[in-house]
């Protein structure tokens, strides 16, 4: 009898798990099935691995942009190349500096919605640097600038300023594999602001040391984004893949419902 009861319990648990996994898979008729992920400064697209795996398991087609971080124009061009490869409506996602990139490139007709992951969101005619004006400085997020004008996060401040919730081993790799950004990109005025015509969502890391919290909230509210907050560092695109993926999924479903 005990054996039978155990088998029944195991079977029930298996069915429940299978049903939950099936519920996560997007409906076949869902219109928006493509996601494009855009990384920020000091990182590359590999940081999206957790989000990629989460979304592909749900049935999304996920593509990742590798920004050269040499100029806003170059990063927008890199994003446009990936958008051109999409076969239908797409949710465009940006982390940090990637928010500026998706704001400029998100006017692409394939983009159905925008998701900002602790990300910048300038208006047309504004620079990225202007977004920091009037807010407290990020004292723990320290940059070293090279002679030719590229910025790295200071080695000694990397964990505290960028990724305090990441293991020491992973932080060391992130720190030593940084992709520097041409600091002049922050002074480039945007020509477009996709959030003025596309619905937006925002995930804000409440322990982000790269931006003042008031700045993150101000930017998200200004673009009328649907806001989700999560306890995480600036590296939330890596450390909170479930929350980020859920927000992207919500965006895709909401836009799909409106396009029916």
C-alpha atoms as a PDB file:
ATOM      1  CA  UNK A   1       0.000   0.000   0.000  1.00  0.00           C
ATOM      2  CA  UNK A   2       2.843   2.392   0.918  1.00  0.00           C
ATOM      3  CA  UNK A   3       4.551   1.617  -2.383  1.00  0.00           C
ATOM      4  CA  UNK A   4       1.350   2.288  -4.317  1.00  0.00           C
ATOM      5  CA  UNK A   5       0.846   5.544  -2.457  1.00  0.00           C
ATOM      6  CA  UNK A   6       4.414   6.627  -3.255  1.00  0.00           C
ATOM      7  CA  UNK A   7       3.994   5.783  -6.933  1.00  0.00           C
ATOM      8  CA  UNK A   8       0.732   7.713  -7.048  1.00  0.00           C
ATOM      9  CA  UNK A   9       2.363  10.735  -5.390  1.00  0.00           C
ATOM     10  CA  UNK A  10       5.293  10.650  -7.813  1.00  0.00           C
ATOM     11  CA  UNK A  11       2.947  10.354 -10.788  1.00  0.00           C
ATOM     12  CA  UNK A  12       0.880  13.270  -9.534  1.00  0.00           C
ATOM     13  CA  UNK A  13       3.981  15.401  -9.087  1.00  0.00           C
ATOM     14  CA  UNK A  14       5.166  14.505 -12.594  1.00  0.00           C
ATOM     15  CA  UNK A  15       1.815  15.470 -14.107  1.00  0.00           C
ATOM     16  CA  UNK A  16       1.783  18.739 -12.174  1.00  0.00           C
ATOM     17  CA  UNK A  17       5.312  19.587 -13.352  1.00  0.00           C
ATOM     18  CA  UNK A  18       4.496  18.668 -16.940  1.00  0.00           C
ATOM     19  CA  UNK A  19       1.363  20.802 -16.811  1.00  0.00           C
ATOM     20  CA  UNK A  20       3.299  23.768 -15.400  1.00  0.00           C
ATOM     21  CA  UNK A  21       5.952  23.455 -18.095  1.00  0.00           C
ATOM     22  CA  UNK A  22       3.280  23.201 -20.769  1.00  0.00           C
ATOM     23  CA  UNK A  23       1.632  26.341 -19.410  1.00  0.00           C
ATOM     24  CA  UNK A  24       4.915  28.248 -19.874  1.00  0.00           C
ATOM     25  CA  UNK A  25       5.076  27.444 -23.585  1.00  0.00           C
ATOM     26  CA  UNK A  26       3.640  30.265 -25.661  1.00  0.00           C
ATOM     27  CA  UNK A  27       0.441  29.546 -27.614  1.00  0.00           C
ATOM     28  CA  UNK A  28       0.908  28.583 -31.253  1.00  0.00           C
ATOM     29  CA  UNK A  29      -1.313  31.494 -32.301  1.00  0.00           C
ATOM     30  CA  UNK A  30       0.621  34.120 -30.345  1.00  0.00           C
ATOM     31  CA  UNK A  31       1.622  36.815 -32.822  1.00  0.00           C
ATOM     32  CA  UNK A  32       4.786  38.143 -31.180  1.00  0.00           C
ATOM     33  CA  UNK A  33       7.297  35.289 -30.934  1.00  0.00           C
ATOM     34  CA  UNK A  34      10.633  37.017 -31.550  1.00  0.00           C
ATOM     35  CA  UNK A  35      12.891  38.648 -28.968  1.00  0.00           C
ATOM     36  CA  UNK A  36      16.080  40.637 -29.600  1.00  0.00           C
ATOM     37  CA  UNK A  37      18.397  41.279 -26.638  1.00  0.00           C
ATOM     38  CA  UNK A  38      20.812  44.232 -26.583  1.00  0.00           C
ATOM     39  CA  UNK A  39      23.586  44.351 -23.969  1.00  0.00           C
ATOM     40  CA  UNK A  40      25.028  47.454 -22.356  1.00  0.00           C
ATOM     41  CA  UNK A  41      28.513  48.854 -21.835  1.00  0.00           C
ATOM     42  CA  UNK A  42      31.358  46.895 -20.222  1.00  0.00           C
ATOM     43  CA  UNK A  43      29.712  43.570 -21.143  1.00  0.00           C
ATOM     44  CA  UNK A  44      28.778  41.492 -24.168  1.00  0.00           C
ATOM     45  CA  UNK A  45      25.854  39.382 -25.292  1.00  0.00           C
ATOM     46  CA  UNK A  46      26.963  36.283 -23.364  1.00  0.00           C
ATOM     47  CA  UNK A  47      25.462  37.779 -20.219  1.00  0.00           C
ATOM     48  CA  UNK A  48      21.993  37.147 -21.637  1.00  0.00           C
ATOM     49  CA  UNK A  49      22.488  33.353 -21.576  1.00  0.00           C
ATOM     50  CA  UNK A  50      20.033  32.755 -18.715  1.00  0.00           C
ATOM     51  CA  UNK A  51      17.344  34.904 -20.319  1.00  0.00           C
ATOM     52  CA  UNK A  52      17.990  33.243 -23.681  1.00  0.00           C
ATOM     53  CA  UNK A  53      17.559  29.760 -22.245  1.00  0.00           C
ATOM     54  CA  UNK A  54      14.442  30.732 -20.303  1.00  0.00           C
ATOM     55  CA  UNK A  55      12.711  32.294 -23.307  1.00  0.00           C
ATOM     56  CA  UNK A  56      13.685  29.650 -25.846  1.00  0.00           C
ATOM     57  CA  UNK A  57      12.208  26.994 -23.549  1.00  0.00           C
ATOM     58  CA  UNK A  58       8.950  28.913 -23.715  1.00  0.00           C
ATOM     59  CA  UNK A  59       9.040  28.800 -27.501  1.00  0.00           C
ATOM     60  CA  UNK A  60      10.412  32.245 -28.337  1.00  0.00           C
ATOM     61  CA  UNK A  61      12.948  32.817 -31.077  1.00  0.00           C
ATOM     62  CA  UNK A  62      15.693  34.794 -29.334  1.00  0.00           C
ATOM     63  CA  UNK A  63      18.535  36.698 -30.993  1.00  0.00           C
ATOM     64  CA  UNK A  64      21.369  38.529 -29.271  1.00  0.00           C
ATOM     65  CA  UNK A  65      23.091  41.659 -30.539  1.00  0.00           C
ATOM     66  CA  UNK A  66      26.849  42.022 -30.068  1.00  0.00           C
ATOM     67  CA  UNK A  67      27.379  45.765 -29.763  1.00  0.00           C
ATOM     68  CA  UNK A  68      30.823  47.041 -30.787  1.00  0.00           C
ATOM     69  CA  UNK A  69      30.362  49.909 -28.269  1.00  0.00           C
ATOM     70  CA  UNK A  70      32.362  52.175 -30.569  1.00  0.00           C
ATOM     71  CA  UNK A  71      29.550  54.692 -31.137  1.00  0.00           C
ATOM     72  CA  UNK A  72      25.781  54.961 -30.867  1.00  0.00           C
ATOM     73  CA  UNK A  73      25.564  54.746 -34.647  1.00  0.00           C
ATOM     74  CA  UNK A  74      27.596  51.528 -34.729  1.00  0.00           C
ATOM     75  CA  UNK A  75      25.504  49.906 -31.996  1.00  0.00           C
ATOM     76  CA  UNK A  76      22.268  50.915 -33.704  1.00  0.00           C
ATOM     77  CA  UNK A  77      23.582  49.456 -36.972  1.00  0.00           C
ATOM     78  CA  UNK A  78      24.457  46.190 -35.203  1.00  0.00           C
ATOM     79  CA  UNK A  79      20.946  46.043 -33.741  1.00  0.00           C
ATOM     80  CA  UNK A  80      19.372  46.824 -37.100  1.00  0.00           C
ATOM     81  CA  UNK A  81      21.213  43.901 -38.701  1.00  0.00           C
ATOM     82  CA  UNK A  82      19.688  41.521 -36.165  1.00  0.00           C
ATOM     83  CA  UNK A  83      16.228  43.065 -36.505  1.00  0.00           C
ATOM     84  CA  UNK A  84      16.415  42.591 -40.275  1.00  0.00           C
ATOM     85  CA  UNK A  85      16.789  38.842 -39.664  1.00  0.00           C
ATOM     86  CA  UNK A  86      13.541  38.576 -37.696  1.00  0.00           C
ATOM     87  CA  UNK A  87      10.577  36.910 -39.384  1.00  0.00           C
ATOM     88  CA  UNK A  88       7.843  38.866 -37.619  1.00  0.00           C
ATOM     89  CA  UNK A  89       6.943  41.246 -34.781  1.00  0.00           C
ATOM     90  CA  UNK A  90       9.666  41.497 -32.166  1.00  0.00           C
ATOM     91  CA  UNK A  91      10.158  42.584 -28.560  1.00  0.00           C
ATOM     92  CA  UNK A  92      13.361  44.636 -28.367  1.00  0.00           C
ATOM     93  CA  UNK A  93      15.160  44.505 -25.005  1.00  0.00           C
ATOM     94  CA  UNK A  94      18.023  46.651 -23.739  1.00  0.00           C
ATOM     95  CA  UNK A  95      20.144  46.636 -20.583  1.00  0.00           C
ATOM     96  CA  UNK A  96      21.784  49.846 -19.321  1.00  0.00           C
ATOM     97  CA  UNK A  97      23.413  51.576 -22.350  1.00  0.00           C
ATOM     98  CA  UNK A  98      21.423  49.103 -24.448  1.00  0.00           C
ATOM     99  CA  UNK A  99      18.371  51.174 -23.482  1.00  0.00           C
ATOM    100  CA  UNK A 100      19.737  54.097 -25.457  1.00  0.00           C
ATOM    101  CA  UNK A 101      20.373  51.751 -28.382  1.00  0.00           C
ATOM    102  CA  UNK A 102      16.834  50.326 -28.420  1.00  0.00           C
ATOM    103  CA  UNK A 103      15.378  53.818 -28.014  1.00  0.00           C
ATOM    104  CA  UNK A 104      17.073  54.887 -31.236  1.00  0.00           C
ATOM    105  CA  UNK A 105      16.689  51.641 -33.189  1.00  0.00           C
ATOM    106  CA  UNK A 106      13.243  50.668 -31.884  1.00  0.00           C
ATOM    107  CA  UNK A 107      11.439  52.694 -34.528  1.00  0.00           C
ATOM    108  CA  UNK A 108      12.065  49.741 -36.839  1.00  0.00           C
ATOM    109  CA  UNK A 109       8.648  48.508 -38.050  1.00  0.00           C
ATOM    110  CA  UNK A 110       9.356  44.976 -36.790  1.00  0.00           C
ATOM    111  CA  UNK A 111       9.609  46.221 -33.194  1.00  0.00           C
ATOM    112  CA  UNK A 112       6.298  45.728 -31.407  1.00  0.00           C
ATOM    113  CA  UNK A 113       7.382  46.630 -27.884  1.00  0.00           C
ATOM    114  CA  UNK A 114      10.354  47.700 -25.785  1.00  0.00           C
ATOM    115  CA  UNK A 115      11.713  46.323 -22.512  1.00  0.00           C
ATOM    116  CA  UNK A 116      14.197  48.402 -20.508  1.00  0.00           C
ATOM    117  CA  UNK A 117      16.315  46.415 -18.026  1.00  0.00           C
ATOM    118  CA  UNK A 118      17.782  49.006 -15.610  1.00  0.00           C
ATOM    119  CA  UNK A 119      18.268  50.937 -18.804  1.00  0.00           C
ATOM    120  CA  UNK A 120      18.652  54.439 -20.168  1.00  0.00           C
ATOM    121  CA  UNK A 121      15.899  55.985 -22.265  1.00  0.00           C
ATOM    122  CA  UNK A 122      16.734  59.424 -23.685  1.00  0.00           C
ATOM    123  CA  UNK A 123      14.286  61.410 -25.767  1.00  0.00           C
ATOM    124  CA  UNK A 124      14.921  62.524 -29.339  1.00  0.00           C
ATOM    125  CA  UNK A 125      17.319  65.478 -29.271  1.00  0.00           C
ATOM    126  CA  UNK A 126      18.761  64.422 -25.908  1.00  0.00           C
ATOM    127  CA  UNK A 127      22.078  62.779 -25.119  1.00  0.00           C
ATOM    128  CA  UNK A 128      22.576  59.826 -22.823  1.00  0.00           C
ATOM    129  CA  UNK A 129      24.712  61.970 -20.535  1.00  0.00           C
ATOM    130  CA  UNK A 130      21.785  64.325 -19.945  1.00  0.00           C
ATOM    131  CA  UNK A 131      19.847  61.537 -18.235  1.00  0.00           C
ATOM    132  CA  UNK A 132      22.165  61.789 -15.216  1.00  0.00           C
ATOM    133  CA  UNK A 133      21.587  65.502 -14.640  1.00  0.00           C
ATOM    134  CA  UNK A 134      19.897  66.357 -11.360  1.00  0.00           C
ATOM    135  CA  UNK A 135      20.409  62.922  -9.803  1.00  0.00           C
ATOM    136  CA  UNK A 136      22.829  61.657  -7.174  1.00  0.00           C
ATOM    137  CA  UNK A 137      26.166  60.430  -8.573  1.00  0.00           C
ATOM    138  CA  UNK A 138      26.862  56.704  -8.600  1.00  0.00           C
ATOM    139  CA  UNK A 139      29.828  56.851  -6.228  1.00  0.00           C
ATOM    140  CA  UNK A 140      30.413  53.084  -6.222  1.00  0.00           C
ATOM    141  CA  UNK A 141      30.370  52.854 -10.015  1.00  0.00           C
ATOM    142  CA  UNK A 142      33.834  54.116 -10.916  1.00  0.00           C
ATOM    143  CA  UNK A 143      35.169  54.326 -14.472  1.00  0.00           C
ATOM    144  CA  UNK A 144      38.731  54.388 -15.742  1.00  0.00           C
ATOM    145  CA  UNK A 145      39.109  56.272 -19.035  1.00  0.00           C
ATOM    146  CA  UNK A 146      41.841  55.325 -21.500  1.00  0.00           C
ATOM    147  CA  UNK A 147      43.927  57.842 -23.438  1.00  0.00           C
ATOM    148  CA  UNK A 148      41.811  57.252 -26.524  1.00  0.00           C
ATOM    149  CA  UNK A 149      38.552  57.896 -24.688  1.00  0.00           C
ATOM    150  CA  UNK A 150      37.231  54.408 -23.854  1.00  0.00           C
ATOM    151  CA  UNK A 151      35.767  53.583 -20.468  1.00  0.00           C
ATOM    152  CA  UNK A 152      36.233  50.528 -18.258  1.00  0.00           C
ATOM    153  CA  UNK A 153      34.707  49.869 -14.842  1.00  0.00           C
ATOM    154  CA  UNK A 154      37.492  50.183 -12.262  1.00  0.00           C
ATOM    155  CA  UNK A 155      38.871  46.749 -11.361  1.00  0.00           C
ATOM    156  CA  UNK A 156      38.717  47.324  -7.620  1.00  0.00           C
ATOM    157  CA  UNK A 157      35.160  48.696  -7.761  1.00  0.00           C
ATOM    158  CA  UNK A 158      33.724  46.256 -10.295  1.00  0.00           C
ATOM    159  CA  UNK A 159      31.952  43.922  -7.862  1.00  0.00           C
ATOM    160  CA  UNK A 160      30.525  46.677  -5.651  1.00  0.00           C
ATOM    161  CA  UNK A 161      29.503  48.919  -8.515  1.00  0.00           C
ATOM    162  CA  UNK A 162      28.357  46.456 -11.176  1.00  0.00           C
ATOM    163  CA  UNK A 163      27.642  42.985  -9.818  1.00  0.00           C
ATOM    164  CA  UNK A 164      27.643  42.600  -6.037  1.00  0.00           C
ATOM    165  CA  UNK A 165      25.210  39.645  -6.267  1.00  0.00           C
ATOM    166  CA  UNK A 166      27.450  37.656  -8.623  1.00  0.00           C
ATOM    167  CA  UNK A 167      29.946  35.065  -7.345  1.00  0.00           C
ATOM    168  CA  UNK A 168      33.550  36.172  -6.962  1.00  0.00           C
ATOM    169  CA  UNK A 169      34.622  33.733  -9.678  1.00  0.00           C
ATOM    170  CA  UNK A 170      32.096  35.062 -12.194  1.00  0.00           C
ATOM    171  CA  UNK A 171      32.778  38.671 -11.219  1.00  0.00           C
ATOM    172  CA  UNK A 172      36.468  38.146 -11.906  1.00  0.00           C
ATOM    173  CA  UNK A 173      35.692  36.880 -15.404  1.00  0.00           C
ATOM    174  CA  UNK A 174      33.231  39.736 -16.080  1.00  0.00           C
ATOM    175  CA  UNK A 175      35.772  42.274 -14.841  1.00  0.00           C
ATOM    176  CA  UNK A 176      38.609  40.867 -16.950  1.00  0.00           C
ATOM    177  CA  UNK A 177      36.520  40.396 -20.109  1.00  0.00           C
ATOM    178  CA  UNK A 178      35.014  43.881 -20.138  1.00  0.00           C
ATOM    179  CA  UNK A 179      34.134  45.451 -23.470  1.00  0.00           C
ATOM    180  CA  UNK A 180      34.996  49.149 -23.106  1.00  0.00           C
ATOM    181  CA  UNK A 181      32.682  51.806 -24.493  1.00  0.00           C
ATOM    182  CA  UNK A 182      33.689  54.892 -26.437  1.00  0.00           C
ATOM    183  CA  UNK A 183      32.696  57.566 -23.924  1.00  0.00           C
ATOM    184  CA  UNK A 184      31.849  59.999 -26.722  1.00  0.00           C
ATOM    185  CA  UNK A 185      28.737  57.885 -27.371  1.00  0.00           C
ATOM    186  CA  UNK A 186      27.177  59.374 -24.236  1.00  0.00           C
ATOM    187  CA  UNK A 187      27.356  62.812 -25.849  1.00  0.00           C
ATOM    188  CA  UNK A 188      25.538  61.779 -29.049  1.00  0.00           C
ATOM    189  CA  UNK A 189      22.069  63.243 -29.475  1.00  0.00           C
ATOM    190  CA  UNK A 190      19.355  60.758 -30.382  1.00  0.00           C
ATOM    191  CA  UNK A 191      17.379  61.278 -33.557  1.00  0.00           C
ATOM    192  CA  UNK A 192      14.480  59.058 -32.487  1.00  0.00           C
ATOM    193  CA  UNK A 193      12.694  57.959 -29.326  1.00  0.00           C
ATOM    194  CA  UNK A 194      10.910  54.689 -30.047  1.00  0.00           C
ATOM    195  CA  UNK A 195       9.170  54.741 -26.657  1.00  0.00           C
ATOM    196  CA  UNK A 196       7.023  57.624 -27.907  1.00  0.00           C
ATOM    197  CA  UNK A 197       5.276  55.294 -30.341  1.00  0.00           C
ATOM    198  CA  UNK A 198       5.921  51.787 -28.926  1.00  0.00           C
ATOM    199  CA  UNK A 199       4.610  50.331 -25.629  1.00  0.00           C
ATOM    200  CA  UNK A 200       7.316  49.958 -22.998  1.00  0.00           C
ATOM    201  CA  UNK A 201       8.124  47.853 -19.957  1.00  0.00           C
ATOM    202  CA  UNK A 202      10.887  48.395 -17.402  1.00  0.00           C
ATOM    203  CA  UNK A 203      12.653  46.106 -14.938  1.00  0.00           C
ATOM    204  CA  UNK A 204      14.441  48.090 -12.224  1.00  0.00           C
ATOM    205  CA  UNK A 205      17.117  46.618  -9.965  1.00  0.00           C
ATOM    206  CA  UNK A 206      16.538  48.116  -6.524  1.00  0.00           C
ATOM    207  CA  UNK A 207      20.196  47.629  -5.521  1.00  0.00           C
ATOM    208  CA  UNK A 208      21.610  49.055  -8.751  1.00  0.00           C
ATOM    209  CA  UNK A 209      24.780  51.039  -8.001  1.00  0.00           C
ATOM    210  CA  UNK A 210      25.354  52.237 -11.564  1.00  0.00           C
ATOM    211  CA  UNK A 211      22.352  54.589 -11.436  1.00  0.00           C
ATOM    212  CA  UNK A 212      20.573  56.548  -8.763  1.00  0.00           C
ATOM    213  CA  UNK A 213      17.257  54.815  -7.991  1.00  0.00           C
ATOM    214  CA  UNK A 214      15.404  58.083  -8.489  1.00  0.00           C
ATOM    215  CA  UNK A 215      16.934  58.322 -11.948  1.00  0.00           C
ATOM    216  CA  UNK A 216      15.800  54.820 -12.924  1.00  0.00           C
ATOM    217  CA  UNK A 217      12.273  55.448 -11.705  1.00  0.00           C
ATOM    218  CA  UNK A 218      12.132  58.865 -13.379  1.00  0.00           C
ATOM    219  CA  UNK A 219      13.194  57.429 -16.737  1.00  0.00           C
ATOM    220  CA  UNK A 220      10.729  54.541 -16.542  1.00  0.00           C
ATOM    221  CA  UNK A 221       7.839  56.786 -15.537  1.00  0.00           C
ATOM    222  CA  UNK A 222       8.649  59.350 -18.223  1.00  0.00           C
ATOM    223  CA  UNK A 223       8.298  56.736 -20.956  1.00  0.00           C
ATOM    224  CA  UNK A 224       5.115  55.413 -19.322  1.00  0.00           C
ATOM    225  CA  UNK A 225       6.639  51.974 -18.878  1.00  0.00           C
ATOM    226  CA  UNK A 226       4.976  49.209 -16.910  1.00  0.00           C
ATOM    227  CA  UNK A 227       7.469  48.841 -14.046  1.00  0.00           C
ATOM    228  CA  UNK A 228       8.701  45.695 -12.291  1.00  0.00           C
ATOM    229  CA  UNK A 229      11.163  46.044  -9.411  1.00  0.00           C
ATOM    230  CA  UNK A 230      13.527  43.297  -8.293  1.00  0.00           C
ATOM    231  CA  UNK A 231      16.204  43.095  -5.603  1.00  0.00           C
ATOM    232  CA  UNK A 232      19.367  42.867  -7.683  1.00  0.00           C
ATOM    233  CA  UNK A 233      22.549  44.624  -8.778  1.00  0.00           C
ATOM    234  CA  UNK A 234      23.145  46.341 -12.102  1.00  0.00           C
ATOM    235  CA  UNK A 235      23.898  42.842 -13.439  1.00  0.00           C
ATOM    236  CA  UNK A 236      20.235  41.826 -13.151  1.00  0.00           C
ATOM    237  CA  UNK A 237      20.253  40.766 -16.814  1.00  0.00           C
ATOM    238  CA  UNK A 238      22.434  37.894 -15.563  1.00  0.00           C
ATOM    239  CA  UNK A 239      21.264  37.365 -11.981  1.00  0.00           C
ATOM    240  CA  UNK A 240      17.501  37.673 -12.472  1.00  0.00           C
ATOM    241  CA  UNK A 241      16.782  35.835 -15.743  1.00  0.00           C
ATOM    242  CA  UNK A 242      13.361  34.620 -14.559  1.00  0.00           C
ATOM    243  CA  UNK A 243      12.089  38.101 -13.683  1.00  0.00           C
ATOM    244  CA  UNK A 244      13.489  39.612 -16.864  1.00  0.00           C
ATOM    245  CA  UNK A 245      12.079  36.777 -18.980  1.00  0.00           C
ATOM    246  CA  UNK A 246       8.658  37.052 -17.327  1.00  0.00           C
ATOM    247  CA  UNK A 247       8.551  40.761 -18.178  1.00  0.00           C
ATOM    248  CA  UNK A 248       9.514  40.099 -21.793  1.00  0.00           C
ATOM    249  CA  UNK A 249       6.844  37.389 -21.956  1.00  0.00           C
ATOM    250  CA  UNK A 250       4.245  39.782 -20.535  1.00  0.00           C
ATOM    251  CA  UNK A 251       5.216  42.388 -23.134  1.00  0.00           C
ATOM    252  CA  UNK A 252       4.937  39.888 -25.987  1.00  0.00           C
ATOM    253  CA  UNK A 253       1.556  38.629 -24.805  1.00  0.00           C
ATOM    254  CA  UNK A 254       0.170  42.129 -24.266  1.00  0.00           C
ATOM    255  CA  UNK A 255       1.235  43.323 -27.702  1.00  0.00           C
ATOM    256  CA  UNK A 256      -0.041  40.122 -29.326  1.00  0.00           C
ATOM    257  CA  UNK A 257      -3.455  40.583 -27.702  1.00  0.00           C
ATOM    258  CA  UNK A 258      -3.735  44.081 -29.153  1.00  0.00           C
ATOM    259  CA  UNK A 259      -2.757  42.936 -32.644  1.00  0.00           C
ATOM    260  CA  UNK A 260      -5.485  40.306 -32.926  1.00  0.00           C
END
